């Protein structure tokens, strides 16, 4: 894609609230972000209505923030994976409210040829849960699977470490900007993941790890994966909505 096309994908992603139906409605009515950017207010209203924040942002047509983010990504080696890219995972494209754009660091695995398994669970794990998460993830990775998780403290981080112990690629999907490591205790883990796989997010650079980002993030973990394994979690655990 050209720089202009990528900038428009960034703009569109900034206009669409994560996990909302806005992007799905737009992409069903228009072929490209440029068509959406060039559309009249009336055409946008006919597609998504007029009462949302998304409608207001779309009608402003302001590309300044998107251009700033594009320049940031280019300067710091952040990859961009828009919905219209041939590398975009087919399974993720098929979920309810797929992300318009993913930012990533590292190397993207072949999403449509490998077996991806999400391993998630409690931040407050038992010793048994820790051993189970590590060994199951390590064994799956050695068998050729790709472990996907959220890089949280507890089961998530241990699962990713298990995949790395197998010297296999792995994918972490985070709930903050690609330049914001959360939790900060996992900076070293994030660097190791980038060496063998990828850290990904739909949130633009600089985004803090707001609590409401994580339920939305979980749909991406599930959308990348053919199976989800939950290792320890309470009845109200966020892992159960992955």
Protein backbone atom coordinates (compact mmCIF):
# COMPACT_ATOMS: atom_id res chain seq x y z
CA UNK A 1 0.00 0.00 0.00
CA UNK A 2 1.07 3.58 -0.56
CA UNK A 3 1.81 5.98 2.28
CA UNK A 4 -1.41 7.84 1.46
CA UNK A 5 -3.48 4.66 1.64
CA UNK A 6 -1.94 3.68 4.99
CA UNK A 7 -2.55 7.17 6.36
CA UNK A 8 -6.21 6.87 5.39
CA UNK A 9 -6.45 3.50 7.13
CA UNK A 10 -5.02 5.09 10.27
CA UNK A 11 -7.55 7.92 9.97
CA UNK A 12 -10.42 5.46 9.59
CA UNK A 13 -9.29 3.43 12.60
CA UNK A 14 -9.14 6.61 14.71
CA UNK A 15 -12.71 7.43 13.72
CA UNK A 16 -14.15 4.01 14.60
CA UNK A 17 -14.63 3.15 18.27
CA UNK A 18 -12.97 -0.24 18.94
CA UNK A 19 -15.40 -3.17 19.11
CA UNK A 20 -18.23 -1.01 17.73
CA UNK A 21 -20.24 -1.75 14.58
CA UNK A 22 -19.10 1.46 12.86
CA UNK A 23 -16.24 -0.01 10.86
CA UNK A 24 -18.26 -3.02 9.72
CA UNK A 25 -21.07 -0.81 8.45
CA UNK A 26 -18.68 1.50 6.63
CA UNK A 27 -16.67 -1.21 4.93
CA UNK A 28 -19.89 -2.90 3.80
CA UNK A 29 -20.98 0.32 2.06
CA UNK A 30 -17.67 1.70 0.77
CA UNK A 31 -14.75 -0.08 -0.88
CA UNK A 32 -11.84 1.90 0.55
CA UNK A 33 -11.00 4.41 3.30
CA UNK A 34 -10.54 7.03 0.56
CA UNK A 35 -14.14 6.55 -0.53
CA UNK A 36 -15.22 7.00 3.08
CA UNK A 37 -13.07 10.11 3.44
CA UNK A 38 -14.52 11.55 0.23
CA UNK A 39 -18.12 10.71 1.15
CA UNK A 40 -20.57 13.46 2.04
CA UNK A 41 -21.95 13.92 5.54
CA UNK A 42 -25.28 12.66 4.24
CA UNK A 43 -23.72 9.47 2.88
CA UNK A 44 -21.98 8.83 6.20
CA UNK A 45 -25.21 9.50 8.09
CA UNK A 46 -27.12 7.06 5.90
CA UNK A 47 -24.56 4.41 6.80
CA UNK A 48 -24.02 4.84 10.56
CA UNK A 49 -26.48 7.50 11.74
CA UNK A 50 -25.61 10.89 13.22
CA UNK A 51 -25.63 10.41 16.99
CA UNK A 52 -22.20 8.91 17.58
CA UNK A 53 -18.72 10.30 18.22
CA UNK A 54 -17.65 8.28 15.19
CA UNK A 55 -19.96 10.24 12.89
CA UNK A 56 -18.53 13.55 14.12
CA UNK A 57 -14.94 12.43 13.56
CA UNK A 58 -15.66 11.01 10.12
CA UNK A 59 -17.30 14.23 8.97
CA UNK A 60 -14.35 16.37 10.09
CA UNK A 61 -12.10 14.69 7.48
CA UNK A 62 -9.07 15.73 9.56
CA UNK A 63 -5.97 13.74 8.60
CA UNK A 64 -3.47 15.59 10.79
CA UNK A 65 -3.40 13.05 13.63
CA UNK A 66 -3.26 10.15 11.17
CA UNK A 67 -0.28 11.75 9.42
CA UNK A 68 1.48 12.29 12.75
CA UNK A 69 0.94 8.64 13.70
CA UNK A 70 2.12 7.44 10.29
CA UNK A 71 5.33 9.45 10.67
CA UNK A 72 5.81 8.03 14.18
CA UNK A 73 5.39 4.47 12.94
CA UNK A 74 7.79 5.02 10.06
CA UNK A 75 10.40 6.57 12.36
CA UNK A 76 10.24 3.88 15.04
CA UNK A 77 9.70 0.81 12.88
CA UNK A 78 6.09 0.11 13.85
CA UNK A 79 4.29 -2.07 11.33
CA UNK A 80 0.77 -1.38 10.09
CA UNK A 81 -1.70 -4.13 9.22
CA UNK A 82 -4.93 -2.69 7.79
CA UNK A 83 -8.08 -4.66 7.13
CA UNK A 84 -7.51 -4.40 3.39
CA UNK A 85 -4.04 -6.00 3.52
CA UNK A 86 -3.56 -9.51 2.13
CA UNK A 87 -1.72 -10.44 5.36
CA UNK A 88 -4.77 -9.60 7.49
CA UNK A 89 -5.98 -12.84 9.13
CA UNK A 90 -9.12 -14.25 7.53
CA UNK A 91 -10.35 -15.52 10.90
CA UNK A 92 -10.04 -12.04 12.41
CA UNK A 93 -11.81 -10.46 9.44
CA UNK A 94 -14.74 -12.77 10.12
CA UNK A 95 -15.41 -11.77 13.74
CA UNK A 96 -18.00 -9.33 15.00
CA UNK A 97 -16.42 -5.86 14.81
CA UNK A 98 -12.97 -6.66 13.34
CA UNK A 99 -10.34 -3.96 13.91
CA UNK A 100 -9.78 -1.58 11.01
CA UNK A 101 -6.04 -1.53 11.67
CA UNK A 102 -3.45 -3.27 13.82
CA UNK A 103 -0.13 -1.77 14.87
CA UNK A 104 2.64 -4.27 15.45
CA UNK A 105 6.28 -4.76 16.28
CA UNK A 106 8.18 -7.85 15.23
CA UNK A 107 7.43 -10.33 12.46
CA UNK A 108 3.91 -11.40 11.55
CA UNK A 109 3.41 -15.17 11.41
CA UNK A 110 1.42 -16.73 8.58
CA UNK A 111 -2.02 -16.35 10.12
CA UNK A 112 -3.84 -18.44 7.55
CA UNK A 113 -1.49 -21.45 7.50
CA UNK A 114 -0.57 -22.10 11.13
CA UNK A 115 -2.64 -23.31 14.09
CA UNK A 116 -3.17 -20.48 16.58
CA UNK A 117 -4.23 -21.16 20.16
CA UNK A 118 -5.12 -18.55 22.76
CA UNK A 119 -3.93 -19.32 26.29
CA UNK A 120 -5.34 -16.93 28.88
CA UNK A 121 -6.23 -16.93 32.55
CA UNK A 122 -5.96 -15.39 35.96
CA UNK A 123 -3.46 -12.75 36.98
CA UNK A 124 -3.47 -14.40 40.42
CA UNK A 125 -2.40 -17.89 39.41
CA UNK A 126 -1.59 -20.86 41.59
CA UNK A 127 1.68 -22.77 41.29
CA UNK A 128 -0.23 -25.51 39.49
CA UNK A 129 -1.75 -23.02 37.05
CA UNK A 130 1.68 -21.53 36.38
CA UNK A 131 3.18 -24.93 35.58
CA UNK A 132 0.21 -25.94 33.44
CA UNK A 133 0.26 -22.71 31.41
CA UNK A 134 3.99 -22.93 30.77
CA UNK A 135 4.16 -26.60 29.81
CA UNK A 136 0.98 -26.67 27.71
CA UNK A 137 2.09 -23.58 25.79
CA UNK A 138 5.59 -24.93 25.33
CA UNK A 139 4.31 -28.29 24.05
CA UNK A 140 1.82 -26.66 21.67
CA UNK A 141 4.56 -24.39 20.31
CA UNK A 142 6.94 -27.31 19.81
CA UNK A 143 4.20 -29.10 17.87
CA UNK A 144 4.00 -26.15 15.47
CA UNK A 145 1.24 -24.11 17.06
CA UNK A 146 1.40 -20.36 17.68
CA UNK A 147 0.44 -19.19 21.17
CA UNK A 148 -1.62 -16.00 21.40
CA UNK A 149 -2.17 -14.18 24.68
CA UNK A 150 -2.54 -10.77 26.27
CA UNK A 151 0.80 -10.27 28.06
CA UNK A 152 -0.89 -9.58 31.40
CA UNK A 153 0.71 -10.66 34.65
CA UNK A 154 -0.08 -14.23 35.60
CA UNK A 155 -1.19 -16.89 33.12
CA UNK A 156 -0.86 -14.69 30.01
CA UNK A 157 2.78 -13.89 30.57
CA UNK A 158 3.67 -17.44 31.57
CA UNK A 159 1.98 -18.85 28.45
CA UNK A 160 3.98 -16.53 26.21
CA UNK A 161 7.17 -17.43 28.07
CA UNK A 162 6.39 -21.11 27.50
CA UNK A 163 6.15 -20.55 23.76
CA UNK A 164 9.42 -18.64 23.77
CA UNK A 165 11.08 -21.49 25.67
CA UNK A 166 10.20 -23.69 22.68
CA UNK A 167 12.00 -21.16 20.46
CA UNK A 168 8.75 -20.67 18.57
CA UNK A 169 6.96 -17.56 17.30
CA UNK A 170 4.23 -16.17 19.52
CA UNK A 171 1.80 -13.25 19.44
CA UNK A 172 0.88 -10.85 22.25
CA UNK A 173 -2.17 -8.62 21.81
CA UNK A 174 -2.04 -5.66 24.18
CA UNK A 175 -4.60 -3.12 25.38
CA UNK A 176 -2.42 -0.03 25.07
CA UNK A 177 -0.43 1.76 22.39
CA UNK A 178 2.40 -0.18 20.78
CA UNK A 179 4.87 2.12 22.55
CA UNK A 180 3.29 1.66 25.99
CA UNK A 181 4.39 -1.56 27.67
CA UNK A 182 1.78 -2.76 30.14
CA UNK A 183 2.42 -4.13 32.61
CA UNK A 184 5.88 -2.52 32.81
CA UNK A 185 7.18 -5.69 34.48
CA UNK A 186 6.93 -7.37 31.07
CA UNK A 187 9.29 -5.11 29.13
CA UNK A 188 11.85 -7.90 28.77
CA UNK A 189 9.15 -10.38 27.77
CA UNK A 190 7.87 -7.96 25.12
CA UNK A 191 11.36 -7.57 23.66
CA UNK A 192 11.76 -11.35 23.45
CA UNK A 193 8.37 -11.74 21.76
CA UNK A 194 9.31 -9.15 19.13
CA UNK A 195 12.47 -11.15 18.32
CA UNK A 196 10.46 -14.29 17.47
CA UNK A 197 6.92 -13.13 16.78
CA UNK A 198 4.86 -9.99 17.20
CA UNK A 199 3.30 -7.65 19.73
CA UNK A 200 0.06 -6.21 18.33
CA UNK A 201 -2.60 -3.66 19.26
CA UNK A 202 -5.47 -1.77 17.67
CA UNK A 203 -4.81 1.28 19.87
CA UNK A 204 -2.72 4.11 18.42
CA UNK A 205 0.72 4.99 19.80
CA UNK A 206 0.58 6.73 23.15
CA UNK A 207 -2.70 5.12 24.23
CA UNK A 208 -2.73 4.30 27.96
CA UNK A 209 -3.90 0.88 29.21
CA UNK A 210 -7.43 1.99 30.09
CA UNK A 211 -9.48 -0.73 31.79
CA UNK A 212 -12.13 -0.75 29.06
CA UNK A 213 -9.51 -1.50 26.39
CA UNK A 214 -9.04 -5.05 27.61
CA UNK A 215 -12.51 -6.54 26.97
CA UNK A 216 -12.32 -5.08 23.45
CA UNK A 217 -8.79 -6.47 23.06
CA UNK A 218 -9.99 -9.96 23.96
CA UNK A 219 -12.06 -10.25 20.77
CA UNK A 220 -8.82 -9.92 18.77
CA UNK A 221 -7.13 -12.69 20.75
CA UNK A 222 -10.13 -14.93 20.09
CA UNK A 223 -10.35 -13.87 16.45
CA UNK A 224 -6.76 -14.87 15.78
CA UNK A 225 -7.17 -18.27 17.40
CA UNK A 226 -8.69 -21.59 16.38
CA UNK A 227 -8.96 -22.62 20.05
CA UNK A 228 -8.94 -20.87 23.42
CA UNK A 229 -7.62 -22.43 26.62
CA UNK A 230 -8.53 -20.73 29.91
CA UNK A 231 -6.24 -21.74 32.76
CA UNK A 232 -7.69 -20.59 36.08
CA UNK A 233 -10.14 -17.73 36.31
CA UNK A 234 -12.91 -16.58 38.61
CA UNK A 235 -16.55 -16.44 37.53
CA UNK A 236 -16.10 -12.74 36.69
CA UNK A 237 -12.70 -13.14 35.05
CA UNK A 238 -12.14 -11.21 31.82
CA UNK A 239 -10.60 -14.39 30.42
CA UNK A 240 -14.08 -15.87 30.10
CA UNK A 241 -15.12 -13.31 27.47
CA UNK A 242 -12.14 -14.09 25.22
